[in-house]
């Protein structure tokens, strides 16, 4: 008879919105929640556990992994697709297994990107504020039709393709840029073009690629200088793909028309926390918030019931594989 799954797991950065989903999927694993983020200051909490689970704001750098290794941690289950916050090379040297959640609901992020675009374009926030002031003039609320516009998509994985279909539903003409072309793109009449051409042609650009050495600050001063002056940039992927100072320069000098951001380059110091009684000492973030050409949400694109269910399910699927002596379904660091 197969032994029960009883691996003891500490869940860092565990927040109320996800706990019911994690507990439902945990099965017979022993799980302990902490709302603290993984860092050198909080690493001691992992003592006595066999595995931990972390999210995007946690610090799994080399020095932290060293401390985890000393405590006997051999498994880290990420509750995210991205793993730029993890030193994979160090993990491999230490024999720490890392697994991520590459697939959950792609529609959650794609639909959020479309929602941000439409809210920005049709001035929903401004309209609501005017209504509250009993100002019913429409002079500042003019938007544009998505129908007939050129949509550039950077990254054509599941999320990028889901966003492409949404834009095609509006009647947009979709172009894409990705070093790995999705075989489904041709049947959807999506044309691949070089990055510079995407910048030049697109009325709207939506980012759906991972953050790594080749995409870090891909949207730079040079990139923004090539975009249409009324174009809109959407980023629901990773904040570091966009050079924030370059974006602010482009917005403040009318080089682009606007930005919809669900992620931010320095978000780890801000997002997922209650900072109502704190002062946020970040001038770039303050400039983004005060700019009328920017719509920001706090990294909530993944936040649907379906996505949270998928994340929790895959997280414990990975853990169950480790407990059974096998590689995780979505192993990253050790094959």
Protein backbone atom coordinates (compact mmCIF):
# COMPACT_ATOMS: atom_id res chain seq x y z
CA UNK A 1 0.00 0.00 0.00
CA UNK A 2 1.30 3.44 -0.96
CA UNK A 3 2.10 5.57 2.07
CA UNK A 4 0.02 8.73 2.65
CA UNK A 5 1.36 11.99 1.29
CA UNK A 6 2.56 13.73 4.42
CA UNK A 7 5.37 16.06 3.37
CA UNK A 8 5.50 19.07 5.70
CA UNK A 9 5.37 22.30 3.72
CA UNK A 10 5.81 25.91 4.85
CA UNK A 11 3.97 28.35 2.59
CA UNK A 12 5.65 31.75 2.51
CA UNK A 13 3.77 34.90 1.42
CA UNK A 14 0.50 33.10 2.11
CA UNK A 15 -2.32 35.63 1.85
CA UNK A 16 -6.04 35.30 2.65
CA UNK A 17 -7.21 35.30 -0.98
CA UNK A 18 -5.30 32.08 -1.81
CA UNK A 19 -5.45 30.07 1.40
CA UNK A 20 -8.81 28.36 0.75
CA UNK A 21 -7.54 27.16 -2.63
CA UNK A 22 -4.24 25.91 -1.19
CA UNK A 23 -5.92 24.09 1.67
CA UNK A 24 -8.39 22.41 -0.67
CA UNK A 25 -5.59 21.10 -2.91
CA UNK A 26 -3.12 20.19 -0.13
CA UNK A 27 -4.60 16.74 0.45
CA UNK A 28 -2.75 14.92 3.24
CA UNK A 29 0.29 17.18 3.15
CA UNK A 30 0.92 19.08 6.34
CA UNK A 31 0.90 22.77 5.45
CA UNK A 32 1.72 25.79 7.57
CA UNK A 33 1.00 29.33 6.41
CA UNK A 34 3.03 32.46 7.03
CA UNK A 35 2.31 35.84 5.52
CA UNK A 36 6.00 36.70 5.79
CA UNK A 37 8.05 36.81 2.62
CA UNK A 38 11.06 34.56 2.26
CA UNK A 39 14.21 36.55 3.00
CA UNK A 40 17.37 36.28 5.07
CA UNK A 41 15.35 37.64 7.99
CA UNK A 42 12.55 35.07 7.69
CA UNK A 43 14.45 32.02 6.46
CA UNK A 44 14.62 30.62 10.01
CA UNK A 45 10.88 29.88 9.80
CA UNK A 46 11.65 26.97 7.42
CA UNK A 47 13.44 25.00 10.12
CA UNK A 48 11.83 21.60 10.60
CA UNK A 49 10.07 21.55 7.23
CA UNK A 50 10.87 19.39 4.23
CA UNK A 51 9.67 21.79 1.57
CA UNK A 52 8.61 25.39 1.15
CA UNK A 53 6.38 27.19 -1.32
CA UNK A 54 7.06 30.75 -2.43
CA UNK A 55 5.55 33.48 -4.61
CA UNK A 56 6.98 36.18 -6.88
CA UNK A 57 7.89 38.68 -4.14
CA UNK A 58 9.94 36.14 -2.18
CA UNK A 59 13.74 36.20 -2.22
CA UNK A 60 15.29 32.93 -3.33
CA UNK A 61 18.70 34.36 -4.08
CA UNK A 62 21.90 32.41 -3.52
CA UNK A 63 22.48 33.53 0.06
CA UNK A 64 18.94 32.62 1.06
CA UNK A 65 19.21 29.23 -0.65
CA UNK A 66 22.42 28.59 1.28
CA UNK A 67 20.55 29.05 4.55
CA UNK A 68 17.64 26.89 3.42
CA UNK A 69 20.06 24.14 2.45
CA UNK A 70 21.65 24.18 5.90
CA UNK A 71 18.18 23.59 7.38
CA UNK A 72 17.60 20.58 5.16
CA UNK A 73 15.19 22.15 2.67
CA UNK A 74 15.45 20.20 -0.57
CA UNK A 75 12.25 21.25 -2.34
CA UNK A 76 10.85 24.66 -3.30
CA UNK A 77 7.48 24.81 -5.03
CA UNK A 78 6.85 28.11 -6.78
CA UNK A 79 3.28 29.38 -6.99
CA UNK A 80 4.06 31.28 -10.17
CA UNK A 81 5.15 30.78 -13.75
CA UNK A 82 8.02 33.25 -13.45
CA UNK A 83 11.19 32.24 -11.64
CA UNK A 84 13.45 35.27 -12.10
CA UNK A 85 13.47 35.63 -8.29
CA UNK A 86 15.21 32.25 -7.89
CA UNK A 87 18.92 31.54 -8.34
CA UNK A 88 18.53 28.30 -10.28
CA UNK A 89 22.24 27.72 -10.71
CA UNK A 90 22.79 27.93 -6.96
CA UNK A 91 19.81 25.67 -6.31
CA UNK A 92 21.26 23.02 -8.61
CA UNK A 93 24.64 23.16 -6.87
CA UNK A 94 22.94 22.74 -3.49
CA UNK A 95 20.71 19.91 -4.67
CA UNK A 96 17.53 21.91 -4.08
CA UNK A 97 14.72 20.97 -6.42
CA UNK A 98 12.67 23.83 -7.86
CA UNK A 99 9.36 23.55 -9.70
CA UNK A 100 7.01 26.21 -11.01
CA UNK A 101 3.44 26.55 -12.24
CA UNK A 102 3.87 27.27 -15.96
CA UNK A 103 0.20 26.89 -16.79
CA UNK A 104 -2.86 28.09 -14.97
CA UNK A 105 -5.76 29.96 -16.49
CA UNK A 106 -4.23 31.96 -19.37
CA UNK A 107 -7.55 33.77 -19.68
CA UNK A 108 -7.13 35.42 -16.28
CA UNK A 109 -4.14 37.51 -17.37
CA UNK A 110 -5.28 37.96 -20.97
CA UNK A 111 -8.72 39.19 -19.89
CA UNK A 112 -7.14 41.53 -17.33
CA UNK A 113 -4.94 43.02 -20.06
CA UNK A 114 -8.01 43.59 -22.22
CA UNK A 115 -9.91 45.04 -19.24
CA UNK A 116 -7.12 47.50 -18.51
CA UNK A 117 -6.96 48.52 -22.16
CA UNK A 118 -10.68 49.22 -22.35
CA UNK A 119 -10.83 50.97 -18.98
CA UNK A 120 -7.95 53.22 -20.02
CA UNK A 121 -9.20 53.83 -23.54
CA UNK A 122 -12.79 54.63 -22.54
CA UNK A 123 -11.72 56.71 -19.51
CA UNK A 124 -13.75 54.66 -17.01
CA UNK A 125 -11.96 55.93 -13.89
CA UNK A 126 -12.23 59.56 -14.98
CA UNK A 127 -15.89 59.09 -15.89
CA UNK A 128 -16.71 57.68 -12.46
CA UNK A 129 -14.94 60.56 -10.73
CA UNK A 130 -16.88 63.12 -12.81
CA UNK A 131 -20.17 61.39 -12.02
CA UNK A 132 -19.40 61.57 -8.31
CA UNK A 133 -18.83 65.31 -8.77
CA UNK A 134 -22.11 65.56 -10.72
CA UNK A 135 -20.18 66.75 -13.75
CA UNK A 136 -21.82 65.10 -16.73
CA UNK A 137 -19.78 66.74 -19.48
CA UNK A 138 -18.11 64.37 -21.94
CA UNK A 139 -15.37 66.72 -23.13
CA UNK A 140 -12.45 64.75 -21.62
CA UNK A 141 -13.71 61.20 -22.17
CA UNK A 142 -13.16 60.52 -25.86
CA UNK A 143 -11.67 57.11 -26.65
CA UNK A 144 -11.15 55.17 -29.87
CA UNK A 145 -12.41 51.98 -31.53
CA UNK A 146 -10.25 48.89 -31.10
CA UNK A 147 -11.80 47.66 -34.35
CA UNK A 148 -9.36 48.13 -37.19
CA UNK A 149 -6.38 48.94 -34.98
CA UNK A 150 -3.03 47.15 -35.19
CA UNK A 151 -2.30 45.07 -32.10
CA UNK A 152 1.27 43.99 -31.41
CA UNK A 153 1.77 41.03 -29.08
CA UNK A 154 5.18 40.29 -27.60
CA UNK A 155 5.18 36.61 -26.65
CA UNK A 156 2.75 34.05 -28.05
CA UNK A 157 2.46 31.46 -25.33
CA UNK A 158 -0.95 30.57 -23.96
CA UNK A 159 -1.58 34.02 -22.44
CA UNK A 160 -0.40 35.89 -25.53
CA UNK A 161 -2.57 33.72 -27.78
CA UNK A 162 -5.59 34.20 -25.51
CA UNK A 163 -5.09 37.98 -25.70
CA UNK A 164 -4.74 37.74 -29.49
CA UNK A 165 -8.12 36.03 -29.77
CA UNK A 166 -9.74 38.69 -27.60
CA UNK A 167 -8.31 41.46 -29.77
CA UNK A 168 -9.43 39.68 -32.91
CA UNK A 169 -12.89 39.54 -31.38
CA UNK A 170 -12.82 43.33 -31.30
CA UNK A 171 -11.79 43.37 -34.96
CA UNK A 172 -8.14 44.23 -34.37
CA UNK A 173 -5.33 43.26 -36.75
CA UNK A 174 -2.88 41.15 -34.74
CA UNK A 175 0.87 40.93 -35.28
CA UNK A 176 3.29 39.10 -33.04
CA UNK A 177 6.96 38.90 -32.11
CA UNK A 178 8.43 35.78 -30.50
CA UNK A 179 11.63 33.82 -31.24
CA UNK A 180 9.54 30.66 -30.93
CA UNK A 181 6.52 30.85 -33.19
CA UNK A 182 3.30 29.27 -31.98
CA UNK A 183 2.05 26.73 -34.56
CA UNK A 184 -1.52 27.85 -33.88
CA UNK A 185 -0.77 31.42 -34.95
CA UNK A 186 -1.07 30.83 -38.70
CA UNK A 187 -4.59 29.39 -38.39
CA UNK A 188 -5.56 32.57 -36.53
CA UNK A 189 -3.96 34.70 -39.26
CA UNK A 190 -1.40 36.13 -36.85
CA UNK A 191 1.70 37.38 -38.65
CA UNK A 192 5.13 37.34 -37.00
CA UNK A 193 7.28 40.43 -37.52
CA UNK A 194 10.59 41.68 -36.05
CA UNK A 195 10.51 43.63 -32.78
CA UNK A 196 11.41 46.98 -34.35
CA UNK A 197 8.65 46.57 -36.92
CA UNK A 198 6.19 45.71 -34.14
CA UNK A 199 7.12 48.96 -32.41
CA UNK A 200 6.64 51.00 -35.58
CA UNK A 201 3.33 49.49 -36.70
CA UNK A 202 1.35 48.88 -33.52
CA UNK A 203 -1.38 51.07 -32.08
CA UNK A 204 -1.42 48.83 -29.01
CA UNK A 205 1.40 46.61 -27.72
CA UNK A 206 0.80 43.97 -25.07
CA UNK A 207 3.68 42.19 -23.32
CA UNK A 208 3.31 38.44 -22.63
CA UNK A 209 6.88 37.17 -22.46
CA UNK A 210 9.05 36.06 -19.51
CA UNK A 211 11.72 38.21 -17.87
CA UNK A 212 15.27 37.01 -18.52
CA UNK A 213 18.59 38.42 -19.70
CA UNK A 214 17.30 38.99 -23.24
CA UNK A 215 14.07 40.76 -22.23
CA UNK A 216 15.35 42.85 -19.30
CA UNK A 217 14.59 46.51 -20.16
CA UNK A 218 13.56 45.47 -23.68
CA UNK A 219 11.32 48.52 -23.71
CA UNK A 220 14.07 51.11 -23.50
CA UNK A 221 14.51 54.75 -24.54
CA UNK A 222 15.28 53.52 -28.05
CA UNK A 223 12.23 51.26 -28.20
CA UNK A 224 9.85 53.99 -27.05
CA UNK A 225 11.29 56.40 -29.62
CA UNK A 226 10.09 54.03 -32.37
CA UNK A 227 6.52 53.68 -31.12
CA UNK A 228 3.57 55.68 -32.43
CA UNK A 229 2.95 58.86 -30.41
CA UNK A 230 -0.60 57.78 -29.56
CA UNK A 231 0.18 54.09 -28.97
CA UNK A 232 -0.65 52.26 -25.75
CA UNK A 233 1.64 49.81 -23.95
CA UNK A 234 0.16 47.05 -21.79
CA UNK A 235 2.35 45.08 -19.39
CA UNK A 236 0.83 42.21 -17.42
CA UNK A 237 4.01 40.09 -17.60
CA UNK A 238 7.03 41.26 -15.55
CA UNK A 239 7.92 44.78 -14.52
CA UNK A 240 11.60 44.49 -15.42
CA UNK A 241 10.81 44.10 -19.12
CA UNK A 242 10.06 47.83 -19.16
CA UNK A 243 12.71 50.42 -18.27
CA UNK A 244 10.55 52.57 -16.01
CA UNK A 245 12.56 55.79 -16.38
CA UNK A 246 12.41 55.38 -20.15
CA UNK A 247 8.66 54.82 -19.98
CA UNK A 248 8.18 57.95 -17.85
CA UNK A 249 10.30 59.95 -20.29
CA UNK A 250 8.20 58.68 -23.21
CA UNK A 251 4.93 59.52 -21.45
CA UNK A 252 6.01 62.94 -20.24
CA UNK A 253 7.34 63.88 -23.67
CA UNK A 254 4.33 62.54 -25.61
CA UNK A 255 6.33 59.81 -27.37
CA UNK A 256 3.53 57.32 -26.57
CA UNK A 257 -0.10 57.76 -25.67
CA UNK A 258 -0.39 55.73 -22.48
CA UNK A 259 0.51 52.69 -20.42
CA UNK A 260 -1.53 50.02 -18.63
CA UNK A 261 0.63 48.35 -15.99
CA UNK A 262 -0.28 45.40 -13.78
CA UNK A 263 3.40 44.96 -12.92
CA UNK A 264 6.14 47.38 -11.93
CA UNK A 265 9.92 47.11 -11.95
CA UNK A 266 10.27 47.74 -8.20
CA UNK A 267 6.98 46.22 -7.11
CA UNK A 268 8.48 43.88 -4.52
CA UNK A 269 8.71 46.82 -2.13
CA UNK A 270 5.07 47.75 -2.67
CA UNK A 271 2.61 45.19 -4.03
CA UNK A 272 0.80 42.49 -2.00
CA UNK A 273 1.11 44.51 1.21
CA UNK A 274 -1.06 46.84 3.29
CA UNK A 275 0.92 50.09 3.25
CA UNK A 276 -1.88 52.45 4.28
CA UNK A 277 0.09 53.72 7.28
CA UNK A 278 3.45 53.74 5.48
CA UNK A 279 5.27 56.24 3.29
CA UNK A 280 6.31 54.80 -0.07
CA UNK A 281 9.68 56.33 -0.90
CA UNK A 282 9.70 55.61 -4.60
CA UNK A 283 9.71 58.65 -6.87
CA UNK A 284 9.29 56.60 -10.07
CA UNK A 285 6.18 54.92 -8.70
CA UNK A 286 4.81 58.28 -7.55
CA UNK A 287 5.32 59.71 -11.03
CA UNK A 288 3.49 56.76 -12.58
CA UNK A 289 0.57 57.08 -10.18
CA UNK A 290 0.19 60.81 -10.80
CA UNK A 291 0.42 60.55 -14.59
CA UNK A 292 -2.99 60.70 -16.27
CA UNK A 293 -1.66 58.58 -19.11
CA UNK A 294 -1.04 55.61 -16.81
CA UNK A 295 -3.41 53.01 -15.39
CA UNK A 296 -1.91 50.80 -12.67
CA UNK A 297 -3.21 47.71 -10.91
CA UNK A 298 -1.32 45.82 -8.22
CA UNK A 299 -0.27 42.59 -9.98
CA UNK A 300 -3.78 41.17 -9.90
CA UNK A 301 -3.98 39.82 -13.43
CA UNK A 302 -3.82 36.21 -12.19
CA UNK A 303 -6.48 36.77 -9.53
CA UNK A 304 -9.44 34.68 -10.64
CA UNK A 305 -10.95 31.62 -8.98
CA UNK A 306 -9.95 29.47 -11.93
CA UNK A 307 -6.34 30.64 -11.88
CA UNK A 308 -5.99 30.27 -8.11
CA UNK A 309 -7.39 26.74 -8.33
CA UNK A 310 -4.91 25.88 -11.09
CA UNK A 311 -1.96 27.35 -9.21
CA UNK A 312 -2.79 25.47 -6.03
CA UNK A 313 -3.40 22.21 -7.89
CA UNK A 314 -0.09 22.31 -9.78
CA UNK A 315 1.85 23.40 -6.68
CA UNK A 316 0.76 20.31 -4.77
CA UNK A 317 1.07 18.12 -7.84
CA UNK A 318 4.76 19.06 -7.89
CA UNK A 319 5.08 18.42 -4.15
CA UNK A 320 3.33 15.04 -4.43
CA UNK A 321 5.83 13.95 -7.10
CA UNK A 322 8.73 14.85 -4.82
CA UNK A 323 7.17 13.07 -1.88
CA UNK A 324 6.82 9.97 -4.04
CA UNK A 325 10.50 10.07 -4.94
CA UNK A 326 10.08 11.32 -8.50
CA UNK A 327 10.96 14.56 -10.25
CA UNK A 328 8.24 17.19 -10.09
CA UNK A 329 5.93 17.55 -13.04
CA UNK A 330 7.35 21.00 -13.71
CA UNK A 331 10.89 20.63 -12.43
CA UNK A 332 13.21 23.55 -13.21
CA UNK A 333 16.59 23.10 -11.59
CA UNK A 334 17.32 19.38 -11.63
CA UNK A 335 16.22 17.06 -14.40
